[in-house]
N, C-alpha and C. Protein backbone atom coordinates (compact mmCIF):
# COMPACT_ATOMS: atom_id res chain seq x y z
N MET A 1 0.78 -1.27 -0.26
CA MET A 1 -0.57 -0.35 0.03
C MET A 1 0.58 1.61 -0.34
N TRP A 2 0.40 2.12 -0.87
CA TRP A 2 1.11 3.64 -0.73
C TRP A 2 1.15 4.35 0.68
N GLN A 3 2.27 4.68 0.66
CA GLN A 3 2.34 5.25 2.16
C GLN A 3 2.57 6.91 1.47
N LEU A 4 1.39 7.65 2.18
CA LEU A 4 1.99 9.23 2.14
C LEU A 4 2.33 10.38 2.90
N PHE A 5 3.80 10.48 3.11
CA PHE A 5 4.15 11.42 3.71
C PHE A 5 3.96 12.39 3.48
N GLN A 6 3.30 13.35 4.97
CA GLN A 6 2.44 14.64 5.30
C GLN A 6 2.38 15.34 6.61
N PHE A 7 2.44 16.41 6.56
CA PHE A 7 1.95 16.73 7.71
C PHE A 7 0.48 17.92 7.58
N PRO A 8 -0.27 18.04 9.02
CA PRO A 8 -1.70 18.18 8.69
C PRO A 8 -2.00 19.23 8.00
N LEU A 9 -1.28 20.18 8.24
CA LEU A 9 -1.73 21.82 7.38
C LEU A 9 -0.42 21.47 5.99
N CYS A 10 0.07 21.04 5.25
CA CYS A 10 0.32 20.90 4.20
C CYS A 10 -0.79 21.00 3.09
N PRO A 11 -0.67 22.16 2.38
CA PRO A 11 -2.08 22.31 1.32
C PRO A 11 -1.54 21.18 -0.07
N PHE A 12 -0.09 20.64 -0.02
CA PHE A 12 0.33 20.38 -1.69
C PHE A 12 -0.07 18.41 -0.82
N SER A 13 -0.33 18.22 0.79
CA SER A 13 -0.80 16.77 0.51
C SER A 13 -1.99 16.56 0.63
N ARG A 14 -2.66 18.03 1.02
CA ARG A 14 -4.25 17.62 1.10
C ARG A 14 -4.46 17.65 -0.41
N LYS A 15 -4.14 18.02 -1.26
CA LYS A 15 -4.50 18.00 -2.67
C LYS A 15 -4.28 17.15 -3.36
N LEU A 16 -3.37 15.72 -2.75
CA LEU A 16 -2.96 14.17 -3.18
C LEU A 16 -4.09 13.56 -2.17
N ARG A 17 -4.62 13.71 -0.82
CA ARG A 17 -5.27 13.55 -0.32
C ARG A 17 -6.52 12.79 -0.90
N LEU A 18 -6.91 14.73 -1.12
CA LEU A 18 -8.48 14.55 -1.99
C LEU A 18 -8.16 14.01 -3.31
N LEU A 19 -6.96 13.87 -4.55
CA LEU A 19 -6.78 13.19 -5.60
C LEU A 19 -7.25 11.43 -5.24
N MET A 20 -6.59 11.18 -4.44
CA MET A 20 -6.26 9.68 -4.14
C MET A 20 -8.07 9.44 -3.45
N SER A 21 -8.39 9.78 -2.73
CA SER A 21 -9.83 9.89 -2.23
C SER A 21 -10.89 9.64 -3.39
N GLU A 22 -10.56 10.80 -4.11
CA GLU A 22 -11.42 11.09 -5.35
C GLU A 22 -11.20 9.86 -6.02
N LYS A 23 -10.26 9.28 -6.56
CA LYS A 23 -9.84 7.89 -7.42
C LYS A 23 -9.87 6.58 -6.41
N GLY A 24 -10.10 6.78 -5.59
CA GLY A 24 -10.39 5.27 -4.72
C GLY A 24 -9.37 4.76 -4.12
N ILE A 25 -8.04 5.41 -4.30
CA ILE A 25 -6.56 4.90 -4.03
C ILE A 25 -6.64 4.66 -2.26
N GLY A 26 -5.90 3.76 -1.87
CA GLY A 26 -5.42 3.40 -0.19
C GLY A 26 -4.40 3.84 -0.65
N TYR A 27 -4.06 4.42 0.73
CA TYR A 27 -2.84 5.05 1.58
C TYR A 27 -3.16 4.84 3.15
N GLU A 28 -1.71 5.49 3.09
CA GLU A 28 -1.46 5.03 4.70
C GLU A 28 -1.03 6.93 5.09
N LEU A 29 -1.53 6.92 5.89
CA LEU A 29 -0.68 8.71 6.51
C LEU A 29 0.55 8.17 7.76
N TRP A 30 1.42 8.51 7.13
CA TRP A 30 2.91 8.85 7.95
C TRP A 30 3.26 10.69 7.81
N ARG A 31 2.78 10.89 9.50
CA ARG A 31 3.19 12.46 9.92
C ARG A 31 4.87 12.76 9.67
N GLU A 32 5.12 13.46 8.81
CA GLU A 32 6.53 14.20 8.49
C GLU A 32 6.43 15.79 8.95
N ASN A 33 7.07 16.35 10.34
CA ASN A 33 7.15 17.44 10.79
C ASN A 33 8.18 18.20 9.55
N PRO A 34 7.81 19.29 8.54
CA PRO A 34 8.86 19.96 7.83
C PRO A 34 10.24 20.29 8.54
N TRP A 35 9.59 20.84 9.85
CA TRP A 35 11.14 21.70 11.14
C TRP A 35 12.15 20.30 11.10
N ASP A 36 11.09 18.58 10.87
CA ASP A 36 12.52 18.19 11.79
C ASP A 36 13.50 17.38 11.31
N VAL A 37 13.48 17.74 9.96
CA VAL A 37 14.51 17.64 8.47
C VAL A 37 15.10 15.85 9.16
N ARG A 38 14.06 15.07 9.18
CA ARG A 38 15.25 13.61 9.27
C ARG A 38 15.99 13.03 8.19
N ASP A 39 16.75 12.58 8.49
CA ASP A 39 17.43 11.85 7.62
C ASP A 39 16.59 10.97 6.56
N GLU A 40 16.13 10.09 7.52
CA GLU A 40 15.04 8.96 6.45
C GLU A 40 14.17 9.94 5.86
N PHE A 41 14.10 10.94 5.72
CA PHE A 41 12.78 11.00 4.80
C PHE A 41 13.76 12.16 3.84
N LEU A 42 15.25 12.75 4.08
CA LEU A 42 15.92 13.35 2.84
C LEU A 42 16.38 12.19 1.87
N HIS A 43 16.25 11.56 2.64
CA HIS A 43 16.54 9.91 1.88
C HIS A 43 15.74 9.71 0.85
N LEU A 44 14.75 9.69 1.18
CA LEU A 44 13.03 9.53 0.25
C LEU A 44 12.85 10.73 -0.85
N ASN A 45 13.19 12.15 0.12
CA ASN A 45 13.13 13.04 -1.13
C ASN A 45 14.40 14.07 -0.11
N PRO A 46 15.67 13.81 -1.33
CA PRO A 46 16.49 15.48 -0.62
C PRO A 46 16.00 16.85 -0.94
N ALA A 47 14.77 16.87 -1.30
CA ALA A 47 13.97 18.47 -1.31
C ALA A 47 13.72 18.76 0.16
N GLY A 48 13.20 17.65 1.12
CA GLY A 48 12.91 17.71 2.28
C GLY A 48 11.61 18.31 2.52
N ARG A 49 10.66 18.12 1.02
CA ARG A 49 9.27 18.85 1.16
C ARG A 49 8.34 17.56 1.04
N THR A 50 7.06 18.15 2.04
CA THR A 50 5.81 17.14 1.45
C THR A 50 5.33 17.49 0.91
N PRO A 51 3.99 16.55 0.01
CA PRO A 51 4.29 14.85 0.18
C PRO A 51 5.26 14.45 -0.74
N VAL A 52 5.67 13.20 0.11
CA VAL A 52 6.02 12.14 -0.51
C VAL A 52 4.80 10.65 -0.67
N LEU A 53 5.02 10.44 -1.81
CA LEU A 53 4.13 9.07 -1.92
C LEU A 53 5.47 8.00 -2.43
N HIS A 54 5.34 7.13 -1.36
CA HIS A 54 6.03 5.95 -1.41
C HIS A 54 5.41 4.62 -1.52
N ASP A 55 5.91 3.45 -2.30
CA ASP A 55 5.75 2.10 -2.39
C ASP A 55 6.43 1.36 -1.63
N PRO A 56 6.73 0.78 -0.51
CA PRO A 56 7.70 0.09 0.16
C PRO A 56 8.18 -1.10 -0.81
N GLU A 57 6.93 -2.04 -0.92
CA GLU A 57 6.84 -3.45 -1.90
C GLU A 57 7.16 -3.41 -2.75
N LYS A 58 7.20 -1.60 -3.76
CA LYS A 58 7.34 -2.15 -4.97
C LYS A 58 8.80 -1.25 -5.48
N GLY A 59 9.26 -0.65 -3.91
CA GLY A 59 10.27 0.38 -4.21
C GLY A 59 10.26 1.58 -4.99
N LEU A 60 9.11 1.92 -4.79
CA LEU A 60 8.72 3.31 -5.64
C LEU A 60 8.36 4.74 -4.77
N THR A 61 9.37 5.58 -4.97
CA THR A 61 9.65 6.69 -4.34
C THR A 61 8.53 7.82 -5.45
N LEU A 62 7.63 8.49 -4.88
CA LEU A 62 7.27 9.85 -5.67
C LEU A 62 7.44 11.34 -5.17
N CYS A 63 8.06 12.43 -5.46
CA CYS A 63 7.80 13.49 -4.61
C CYS A 63 7.43 14.20 -5.86
N ASP A 64 7.06 15.86 -5.10
CA ASP A 64 5.74 16.96 -5.76
C ASP A 64 4.60 16.71 -5.58
N SER A 65 3.51 17.61 -5.70
CA SER A 65 2.40 16.87 -5.85
C SER A 65 2.00 16.93 -7.29
N ARG A 66 2.17 18.27 -8.07
CA ARG A 66 2.44 17.52 -9.07
C ARG A 66 2.28 16.72 -9.88
N ALA A 67 3.88 16.23 -9.70
CA ALA A 67 4.75 15.66 -10.81
C ALA A 67 3.42 14.39 -9.99
N ILE A 68 3.35 14.22 -8.68
CA ILE A 68 2.65 12.90 -8.06
C ILE A 68 1.50 12.67 -8.78
N SER A 69 0.26 13.83 -8.53
CA SER A 69 -0.64 13.67 -9.51
C SER A 69 -0.86 13.63 -10.87
N GLU A 70 0.07 14.33 -11.40
CA GLU A 70 0.75 13.05 -13.61
C GLU A 70 0.82 12.22 -13.40
N TYR A 71 1.15 11.08 -12.09
CA TYR A 71 1.79 9.98 -12.43
C TYR A 71 0.24 9.38 -12.01
N LEU A 72 -0.46 9.59 -10.99
CA LEU A 72 -1.89 8.97 -10.76
C LEU A 72 -2.89 9.30 -11.83
N GLU A 73 -2.82 10.24 -12.29
CA GLU A 73 -3.65 10.43 -13.52
C GLU A 73 -3.37 9.07 -14.54
N GLU A 74 -1.97 9.01 -14.90
CA GLU A 74 -1.52 8.19 -16.13
C GLU A 74 -1.94 6.83 -15.83
N THR A 75 -1.82 6.44 -14.25
CA THR A 75 -1.85 4.95 -14.17
C THR A 75 -3.06 4.37 -13.43
N VAL A 76 -4.18 5.57 -13.31
CA VAL A 76 -5.49 5.09 -12.65
C VAL A 76 -6.36 5.65 -13.15
N GLU A 77 -7.39 5.03 -14.07
CA GLU A 77 -8.32 5.47 -14.85
C GLU A 77 -9.18 6.26 -14.47
N ARG A 78 -9.76 5.84 -13.21
CA ARG A 78 -10.88 5.81 -12.31
C ARG A 78 -10.80 7.11 -12.08
N ALA A 79 -11.72 8.46 -12.08
CA ALA A 79 -12.42 9.58 -11.77
C ALA A 79 -11.24 10.22 -12.76
N PRO A 80 -10.82 10.76 -13.47
CA PRO A 80 -9.80 11.47 -14.45
C PRO A 80 -9.97 12.98 -13.89
N MET A 81 -8.93 13.71 -13.36
CA MET A 81 -9.20 14.97 -12.95
C MET A 81 -8.59 16.03 -13.79
N ILE A 82 -7.80 15.03 -14.68
CA ILE A 82 -7.18 16.29 -15.91
C ILE A 82 -7.59 15.76 -17.08
N ASN A 83 -9.11 16.17 -17.65
CA ASN A 83 -10.23 15.79 -18.53
C ASN A 83 -10.28 16.95 -19.37
N GLY A 84 -10.95 15.91 -20.89
CA GLY A 84 -10.96 17.24 -21.61
C GLY A 84 -10.23 17.14 -22.65
N THR A 85 -10.51 18.50 -23.16
CA THR A 85 -9.51 18.82 -24.62
C THR A 85 -8.52 18.81 -24.17
N ALA A 86 -7.44 18.87 -25.30
CA ALA A 86 -5.98 19.54 -25.08
C ALA A 86 -6.50 21.04 -24.02
N ALA A 87 -6.65 22.00 -24.93
CA ALA A 87 -6.82 23.09 -24.03
C ALA A 87 -7.38 23.17 -23.22
N GLY A 88 -8.92 22.32 -23.15
CA GLY A 88 -9.27 22.07 -21.54
C GLY A 88 -7.88 21.48 -20.28
N ARG A 89 -7.70 20.51 -20.76
CA ARG A 89 -6.64 19.83 -19.92
C ARG A 89 -5.04 20.85 -19.63
N ALA A 90 -4.80 22.00 -20.80
CA ALA A 90 -3.80 22.86 -20.50
C ALA A 90 -4.63 23.87 -19.50
N GLU A 91 -5.78 24.16 -19.57
CA GLU A 91 -6.47 25.02 -18.16
C GLU A 91 -5.87 25.01 -17.19
N ILE A 92 -6.93 23.88 -16.56
CA ILE A 92 -6.56 23.08 -15.43
C ILE A 92 -5.24 22.88 -14.98
N ARG A 93 -4.23 22.32 -15.82
CA ARG A 93 -2.58 22.76 -15.31
C ARG A 93 -2.79 24.07 -14.75
N ARG A 94 -3.08 24.93 -15.97
CA ARG A 94 -3.11 26.64 -15.66
C ARG A 94 -3.49 27.05 -14.25
N LEU A 95 -4.86 26.48 -13.65
CA LEU A 95 -5.17 27.08 -12.27
C LEU A 95 -4.57 25.84 -11.85
N VAL A 96 -3.86 24.71 -11.69
CA VAL A 96 -3.40 24.07 -10.91
C VAL A 96 -2.11 24.97 -10.75
N ALA A 97 -1.37 25.77 -10.69
CA ALA A 97 0.08 26.30 -10.72
C ALA A 97 -0.34 27.27 -10.28
N LEU A 98 -1.52 28.20 -10.47
CA LEU A 98 -1.97 29.59 -9.56
C LEU A 98 -2.08 29.39 -8.88
N PHE A 99 -3.01 28.16 -7.63
CA PHE A 99 -3.21 27.55 -6.69
C PHE A 99 -1.73 27.30 -6.45
N ASP A 100 -1.48 26.50 -6.63
CA ASP A 100 -0.09 26.24 -6.25
C ASP A 100 0.74 27.11 -5.86
N GLU A 101 1.11 27.51 -6.85
CA GLU A 101 2.60 29.19 -7.04
C GLU A 101 1.68 29.85 -6.54
N ASN A 102 1.15 31.04 -6.85
CA ASN A 102 0.79 31.89 -6.53
C ASN A 102 -0.44 32.15 -5.19
N PHE A 103 -1.64 31.40 -4.59
CA PHE A 103 -2.21 31.63 -3.80
C PHE A 103 -1.21 31.03 -2.63
N PHE A 104 -0.57 30.13 -2.94
CA PHE A 104 0.32 29.84 -1.94
C PHE A 104 0.87 30.54 -1.41
N HIS A 105 2.01 31.26 -2.42
CA HIS A 105 2.93 32.63 -1.56
C HIS A 105 2.01 33.31 -1.39
N ASP A 106 1.39 33.80 -1.61
CA ASP A 106 0.66 34.91 -1.21
C ASP A 106 -0.30 34.70 0.37
N VAL A 107 -0.69 33.79 0.57
CA VAL A 107 -2.06 33.47 1.88
C VAL A 107 -0.96 32.74 2.12
N THR A 108 -1.21 31.01 1.48
CA THR A 108 -1.34 29.85 2.87
C THR A 108 0.01 29.83 3.60
N ALA A 109 1.40 30.09 2.81
CA ALA A 109 3.12 30.50 3.32
C ALA A 109 2.85 31.35 4.58
N PRO A 110 2.77 32.27 4.23
CA PRO A 110 2.77 33.41 5.62
C PRO A 110 2.19 32.79 6.17
N LEU A 111 0.64 32.93 6.38
CA LEU A 111 -0.08 32.05 7.47
C LEU A 111 0.43 30.86 7.76
N LEU A 112 1.07 29.94 7.57
CA LEU A 112 2.07 29.14 7.89
C LEU A 112 2.61 29.24 8.65
N TYR A 113 3.30 30.27 8.14
CA TYR A 113 4.43 30.88 8.90
C TYR A 113 4.73 31.56 10.32
N GLU A 114 3.10 32.71 10.21
CA GLU A 114 3.12 33.54 11.23
C GLU A 114 2.03 33.02 12.29
N ARG A 115 1.47 31.42 12.11
CA ARG A 115 0.66 30.71 12.81
C ARG A 115 0.92 29.42 13.13
N MET A 116 1.54 29.35 12.15
CA MET A 116 2.62 27.47 12.63
C MET A 116 3.62 27.51 12.85
N THR A 117 5.13 28.02 12.58
CA THR A 117 6.02 28.18 12.31
C THR A 117 6.55 28.31 13.50
N LYS A 118 5.90 29.79 13.41
CA LYS A 118 6.69 30.99 14.72
C LYS A 118 6.30 30.38 16.22
N ARG A 119 4.11 29.96 16.06
CA ARG A 119 4.32 29.59 17.47
C ARG A 119 5.08 28.17 17.66
N LEU A 120 5.16 27.12 16.92
CA LEU A 120 5.74 25.26 17.19
C LEU A 120 6.76 25.52 17.49
N VAL A 121 7.45 26.62 16.53
CA VAL A 121 8.84 25.77 16.19
C VAL A 121 9.82 27.18 16.72
N LEU A 122 9.28 28.74 16.44
CA LEU A 122 10.00 29.86 16.71
C LEU A 122 9.55 30.62 18.47
N ARG A 123 8.48 30.42 18.87
CA ARG A 123 8.14 30.30 19.29
C ARG A 123 8.32 32.06 20.18
N GLN A 124 7.32 32.41 18.70
CA GLN A 124 7.45 34.31 18.34
C GLN A 124 5.76 34.40 18.38
N SER A 125 5.67 35.63 18.10
CA SER A 125 4.06 36.02 18.24
C SER A 125 3.98 36.28 16.35
N PRO A 126 2.96 36.41 15.95
CA PRO A 126 3.00 36.27 14.51
C PRO A 126 2.65 37.63 14.40
N ASP A 127 3.23 38.09 13.34
CA ASP A 127 3.09 39.43 12.77
C ASP A 127 1.81 40.31 12.62
N SER A 128 1.02 41.39 12.94
CA SER A 128 -0.01 41.50 12.14
C SER A 128 -0.40 41.83 11.16
N ARG A 129 0.74 42.37 11.16
CA ARG A 129 0.85 43.58 9.30
C ARG A 129 0.93 42.31 8.52
N ALA A 130 1.61 41.14 8.62
CA ALA A 130 1.78 39.91 7.21
C ALA A 130 0.40 39.25 7.48
N LEU A 131 0.21 39.46 8.89
CA LEU A 131 -1.15 38.44 8.40
C LEU A 131 -2.35 39.46 7.88
N ARG A 132 -2.67 40.68 8.22
CA ARG A 132 -3.54 41.32 7.27
C ARG A 132 -2.77 41.50 5.83
N GLU A 133 -2.21 41.62 5.59
CA GLU A 133 -1.63 41.26 3.93
C GLU A 133 -2.19 40.10 3.62
N ALA A 134 -1.68 39.16 4.29
CA ALA A 134 -2.25 37.62 3.47
C ALA A 134 -3.61 37.55 3.30
N MET A 135 -4.55 38.26 4.37
CA MET A 135 -5.71 38.03 4.37
C MET A 135 -6.26 39.17 3.35
N ARG A 136 -5.88 40.30 2.89
CA ARG A 136 -5.87 41.30 1.38
C ARG A 136 -6.40 40.35 0.47
N LEU A 137 -4.80 39.81 0.42
CA LEU A 137 -4.69 38.90 -0.98
C LEU A 137 -5.52 37.80 -1.13
N ALA A 138 -5.63 36.76 -0.16
CA ALA A 138 -6.87 36.65 0.23
C ALA A 138 -8.70 36.37 -0.74
N HIS A 139 -8.60 37.58 -0.47
CA HIS A 139 -9.60 38.36 -1.17
C HIS A 139 -9.42 38.60 -2.31
N GLU A 140 -8.11 38.77 -2.75
CA GLU A 140 -8.06 39.16 -4.39
C GLU A 140 -8.44 37.67 -5.05
N HIS A 141 -7.88 36.51 -4.71
CA HIS A 141 -7.64 35.62 -5.07
C HIS A 141 -9.12 35.03 -5.32
N LEU A 142 -9.87 35.07 -4.02
CA LEU A 142 -11.37 34.89 -4.05
C LEU A 142 -11.78 35.78 -4.98
N TYR A 143 -11.59 36.74 -5.16
CA TYR A 143 -12.94 37.26 -5.88
C TYR A 143 -11.98 36.77 -7.90
N TYR A 144 -11.24 36.30 -8.31
CA TYR A 144 -10.88 35.64 -9.18
C TYR A 144 -11.80 34.30 -9.22
N LEU A 145 -12.16 34.00 -8.11
CA LEU A 145 -12.92 32.48 -7.75
C LEU A 145 -14.29 32.83 -8.30
N ASP A 146 -14.34 33.80 -7.37
CA ASP A 146 -16.04 34.38 -7.75
C ASP A 146 -16.44 34.45 -9.54
N TYR A 147 -15.11 34.79 -10.21
CA TYR A 147 -15.77 35.48 -11.31
C TYR A 147 -15.61 33.88 -11.99
N LEU A 148 -14.67 33.17 -11.71
CA LEU A 148 -14.55 31.35 -12.49
C LEU A 148 -16.06 30.92 -11.95
N ILE A 149 -16.58 30.76 -11.13
CA ILE A 149 -17.66 30.59 -10.83
C ILE A 149 -18.89 30.84 -11.47
N ASP A 150 -18.58 31.85 -11.54
CA ASP A 150 -20.00 33.24 -12.79
C ASP A 150 -20.08 32.63 -13.63
N HIS A 151 -18.92 31.36 -14.74
CA HIS A 151 -19.00 31.56 -15.69
C HIS A 151 -18.58 30.07 -16.31
N ARG A 152 -18.25 29.35 -14.88
CA ARG A 152 -18.07 27.69 -15.09
C ARG A 152 -18.71 27.15 -13.85
N PRO A 153 -19.21 25.98 -14.36
CA PRO A 153 -19.81 25.02 -13.04
C PRO A 153 -18.86 24.50 -12.06
N TRP A 154 -17.53 24.25 -12.91
CA TRP A 154 -16.34 23.98 -11.80
C TRP A 154 -15.51 25.04 -12.37
N LEU A 155 -13.92 25.28 -11.62
CA LEU A 155 -12.87 25.67 -11.60
C LEU A 155 -12.47 25.89 -13.51
N ALA A 156 -12.42 24.99 -14.02
CA ALA A 156 -11.62 25.10 -14.95
C ALA A 156 -12.71 24.69 -16.00
N GLY A 157 -13.73 24.13 -16.17
CA GLY A 157 -14.69 23.65 -16.69
C GLY A 157 -15.83 23.10 -16.39
N PRO A 158 -16.52 22.51 -17.37
CA PRO A 158 -17.85 21.84 -17.23
C PRO A 158 -18.00 20.88 -15.99
N GLN A 159 -16.38 20.08 -15.68
CA GLN A 159 -16.58 18.72 -14.83
C GLN A 159 -15.42 19.19 -13.49
N MET A 160 -15.82 18.37 -12.29
CA MET A 160 -14.64 18.58 -10.96
C MET A 160 -13.26 18.13 -11.98
N SER A 161 -12.15 19.49 -11.26
CA SER A 161 -10.79 18.26 -11.85
C SER A 161 -10.17 19.29 -11.26
N LEU A 162 -8.81 18.55 -11.31
CA LEU A 162 -7.47 19.33 -10.13
C LEU A 162 -7.27 20.41 -9.78
N ALA A 163 -8.06 21.02 -10.58
CA ALA A 163 -8.14 22.47 -10.39
C ALA A 163 -8.98 22.79 -8.75
N ASP A 164 -9.78 22.49 -9.31
CA ASP A 164 -10.67 22.27 -7.90
C ASP A 164 -10.01 21.94 -6.69
N LEU A 165 -9.57 20.56 -6.70
CA LEU A 165 -9.18 19.86 -5.62
C LEU A 165 -7.55 20.94 -5.02
N ALA A 166 -6.76 21.46 -5.63
CA ALA A 166 -5.48 22.30 -5.60
C ALA A 166 -6.62 23.72 -5.20
N ALA A 167 -7.21 24.19 -5.44
CA ALA A 167 -7.53 25.26 -4.59
C ALA A 167 -8.52 25.18 -3.61
N ALA A 168 -8.89 23.96 -3.70
CA ALA A 168 -9.77 23.40 -2.14
C ALA A 168 -8.64 23.54 -0.99
N ALA A 169 -7.99 22.98 -1.75
CA ALA A 169 -6.86 22.66 -0.77
C ALA A 169 -5.74 23.75 0.19
N GLN A 170 -5.76 24.65 -0.90
CA GLN A 170 -4.96 25.87 -0.62
C GLN A 170 -5.81 26.41 0.54
N ILE A 171 -7.39 26.38 -0.02
CA ILE A 171 -8.00 27.41 0.73
C ILE A 171 -8.50 26.78 2.15
N SER A 172 -7.94 25.37 2.33
CA SER A 172 -8.95 24.65 3.69
C SER A 172 -7.90 24.98 4.58
N VAL A 173 -6.13 24.97 4.17
CA VAL A 173 -5.59 25.65 5.15
C VAL A 173 -5.71 26.98 5.29
N ALA A 174 -6.06 28.00 4.89
CA ALA A 174 -6.02 28.51 5.01
C ALA A 174 -6.84 29.49 5.89
N ASP A 175 -8.12 28.58 5.45
CA ASP A 175 -9.64 28.80 6.58
C ASP A 175 -9.56 28.22 7.93
N TYR A 176 -8.31 27.13 7.64
CA TYR A 176 -7.89 26.45 9.26
C TYR A 176 -7.52 27.61 9.71
N LEU A 177 -6.69 28.54 9.41
CA LEU A 177 -5.46 29.54 9.99
C LEU A 177 -6.22 30.67 10.41
N GLY A 178 -7.85 30.62 9.68
CA GLY A 178 -8.24 32.02 10.26
C GLY A 178 -7.77 32.77 9.51
N GLY A 179 -7.46 33.04 7.85
CA GLY A 179 -7.27 33.74 6.92
C GLY A 179 -7.88 33.75 5.66
N ILE A 180 -9.52 33.48 5.66
CA ILE A 180 -10.23 33.65 4.77
C ILE A 180 -11.24 34.35 5.62
N ASP A 181 -11.63 35.57 4.75
CA ASP A 181 -12.63 36.24 5.14
C ASP A 181 -14.04 36.28 3.90
N TRP A 182 -15.09 35.67 3.77
CA TRP A 182 -16.25 34.76 3.13
C TRP A 182 -16.76 36.35 2.75
N SER A 183 -17.18 37.00 3.42
CA SER A 183 -18.12 37.94 3.47
C SER A 183 -18.02 38.64 1.98
N GLY A 184 -18.82 39.48 1.11
CA GLY A 184 -18.72 39.43 -0.28
C GLY A 184 -18.32 38.37 -1.81
N HIS A 185 -17.69 37.13 -0.41
CA HIS A 185 -17.73 35.87 -2.02
C HIS A 185 -18.57 35.00 -2.06
N ASP A 186 -20.15 34.95 -2.30
CA ASP A 186 -20.54 34.25 -2.04
C ASP A 186 -20.56 33.01 -2.89
N GLN A 187 -20.21 33.55 -4.63
CA GLN A 187 -20.06 32.20 -5.66
C GLN A 187 -19.08 31.30 -5.08
N ALA A 188 -17.91 31.93 -4.19
CA ALA A 188 -16.27 30.98 -4.21
C ALA A 188 -16.92 30.08 -2.52
N ARG A 189 -17.81 31.07 -1.38
CA ARG A 189 -18.17 30.59 -0.25
C ARG A 189 -19.50 28.93 -1.01
N GLY A 190 -20.39 29.44 -1.85
CA GLY A 190 -20.95 28.49 -2.36
C GLY A 190 -20.24 27.04 -2.92
N TRP A 191 -19.19 27.23 -4.06
CA TRP A 191 -18.13 26.25 -4.26
C TRP A 191 -17.46 25.16 -3.53
N TYR A 192 -17.20 25.85 -2.10
CA TYR A 192 -16.54 25.76 -1.25
C TYR A 192 -17.28 25.13 -0.24
N ALA A 193 -18.68 25.32 -0.05
CA ALA A 193 -19.18 24.47 0.67
C ALA A 193 -19.56 22.98 0.04
N VAL A 194 -19.66 23.20 -1.47
CA VAL A 194 -20.24 22.00 -2.09
C VAL A 194 -18.66 21.09 -2.22
N PHE A 195 -18.09 21.44 -2.21
CA PHE A 195 -16.63 20.45 -1.57
C PHE A 195 -16.47 20.06 -0.33
N LYS A 196 -17.01 20.60 0.45
CA LYS A 196 -16.96 20.54 1.89
C LYS A 196 -17.67 19.19 2.02
N SER A 197 -18.84 19.09 1.40
CA SER A 197 -19.51 18.23 2.10
C SER A 197 -19.23 16.83 1.05
N ARG A 198 -18.50 16.91 -0.01
CA ARG A 198 -18.05 15.81 -0.50
C ARG A 198 -16.92 14.93 0.44
N PRO A 199 -17.24 13.10 0.65
CA PRO A 199 -17.07 12.23 1.27
C PRO A 199 -15.00 12.63 1.01
N SER A 200 -14.45 12.99 0.20
CA SER A 200 -13.10 12.63 0.38
C SER A 200 -12.66 13.88 1.24
N PHE A 201 -13.66 14.91 1.41
CA PHE A 201 -12.66 15.97 2.30
C PHE A 201 -13.49 15.94 3.63
N ARG A 202 -14.37 14.92 4.39
CA ARG A 202 -14.57 14.87 5.40
C ARG A 202 -13.36 14.74 6.54
N PRO A 203 -12.62 13.76 6.08
CA PRO A 203 -10.95 13.54 6.47
C PRO A 203 -10.44 14.90 7.34
N LEU A 204 -10.70 15.60 6.09
CA LEU A 204 -9.48 17.22 6.42
C LEU A 204 -10.31 17.61 7.33
N LEU A 205 -11.56 18.16 7.35
CA LEU A 205 -12.27 18.62 8.07
C LEU A 205 -12.43 18.32 9.13
N SER A 206 -12.16 16.78 9.91
CA SER A 206 -11.79 16.37 11.10
C SER A 206 -10.86 16.33 12.04
N GLU A 207 -9.65 16.46 10.88
CA GLU A 207 -8.34 16.46 11.29
C GLU A 207 -7.86 17.83 11.75
N ARG A 208 -6.73 17.67 13.35
CA ARG A 208 -6.10 18.52 13.85
C ARG A 208 -5.05 19.09 14.31
N MET A 209 -4.36 19.97 13.96
CA MET A 209 -2.90 20.34 14.54
C MET A 209 -2.87 20.46 15.61
N GLU A 210 -1.83 19.87 16.59
CA GLU A 210 -1.66 20.04 17.77
C GLU A 210 -1.47 22.00 18.14
N VAL A 211 -2.02 22.23 19.56
CA VAL A 211 -2.17 23.71 19.48
C VAL A 211 -2.71 24.40 18.84
N ILE A 212 -2.98 24.32 17.83
CA ILE A 212 -3.68 25.10 16.83
C ILE A 212 -5.10 24.98 16.12
N GLN A 213 -5.52 25.74 16.97
CA GLN A 213 -7.24 25.16 16.32
C GLN A 213 -8.14 25.91 15.86
N PRO A 214 -8.91 25.33 14.76
CA PRO A 214 -9.26 26.37 13.69
C PRO A 214 -10.50 27.16 14.14
N PRO A 215 -10.92 28.36 13.40
CA PRO A 215 -12.01 28.86 13.79
C PRO A 215 -13.51 28.18 13.96
N PRO A 216 -14.00 27.96 14.73
CA PRO A 216 -15.72 27.82 14.38
C PRO A 216 -16.11 27.52 13.65
N HIS A 217 -16.39 27.27 12.37
CA HIS A 217 -17.14 27.84 11.39
C HIS A 217 -16.12 26.58 10.05
N TYR A 218 -14.98 26.12 10.81
CA TYR A 218 -13.78 25.52 9.67
C TYR A 218 -14.38 24.24 9.28
N ALA A 219 -15.06 23.60 10.35
CA ALA A 219 -15.82 21.63 10.13
C ALA A 219 -17.11 22.08 9.44
N GLU A 220 -18.05 23.05 9.68
CA GLU A 220 -19.35 23.76 9.27
C GLU A 220 -20.03 23.15 7.41
N VAL A 221 -20.31 22.21 6.96
CA VAL A 221 -20.42 22.01 5.56
C VAL A 221 -20.66 23.59 5.01
N ASP A 222 -21.60 24.33 5.53
CA ASP A 222 -22.32 25.57 4.26
C ASP A 222 -21.35 26.94 5.86
N GLY A 223 -20.02 26.64 6.58
CA GLY A 223 -19.83 27.66 6.69
C GLY A 223 -18.68 28.28 5.79
């Protein structure tokens, strides 16, 4: 069985968990804190980043969430998440990159540093200015989500795709850390509520990071 090395608030690991659940792929969760820098984990992934997907029986190790997603798409036919025409697949990949790179850089990464790393590792207080800027940029990204949902059933087109999984994974971490204000974003909030009601999402909503607790609305399907 696959072993997924991850930690609860890693958005890229969450994206893979959603993908593997949607595809019905069994896996075991292995906790890997990024600040531990274990030699055993560096042997699996010299970059030292989660997620890592490892099959000890086959001696197969996969690193980088986008590379792993592509591998699973190519090897598991059920519930394709990079689907449609060539242009449609390109649009899915564009949006995955947007959320994996831009949303993460603007919103998720600063929130993780201020609310998780500073508290659990550095024993420091968060910078309120950095938090306000992350929340301001979150609004900008949500406006774009509103626009997409106004014009499409799902973010990339007529079907749920890896773009939706990537966006939901990033937003779920930001929401856990109190960085999402849904005011004025009814379209994005409705899309996210539909996603939160899916069976693949429920384990994420019930999982907690020690010491850091989410806001009350986090686990509510319509919250």
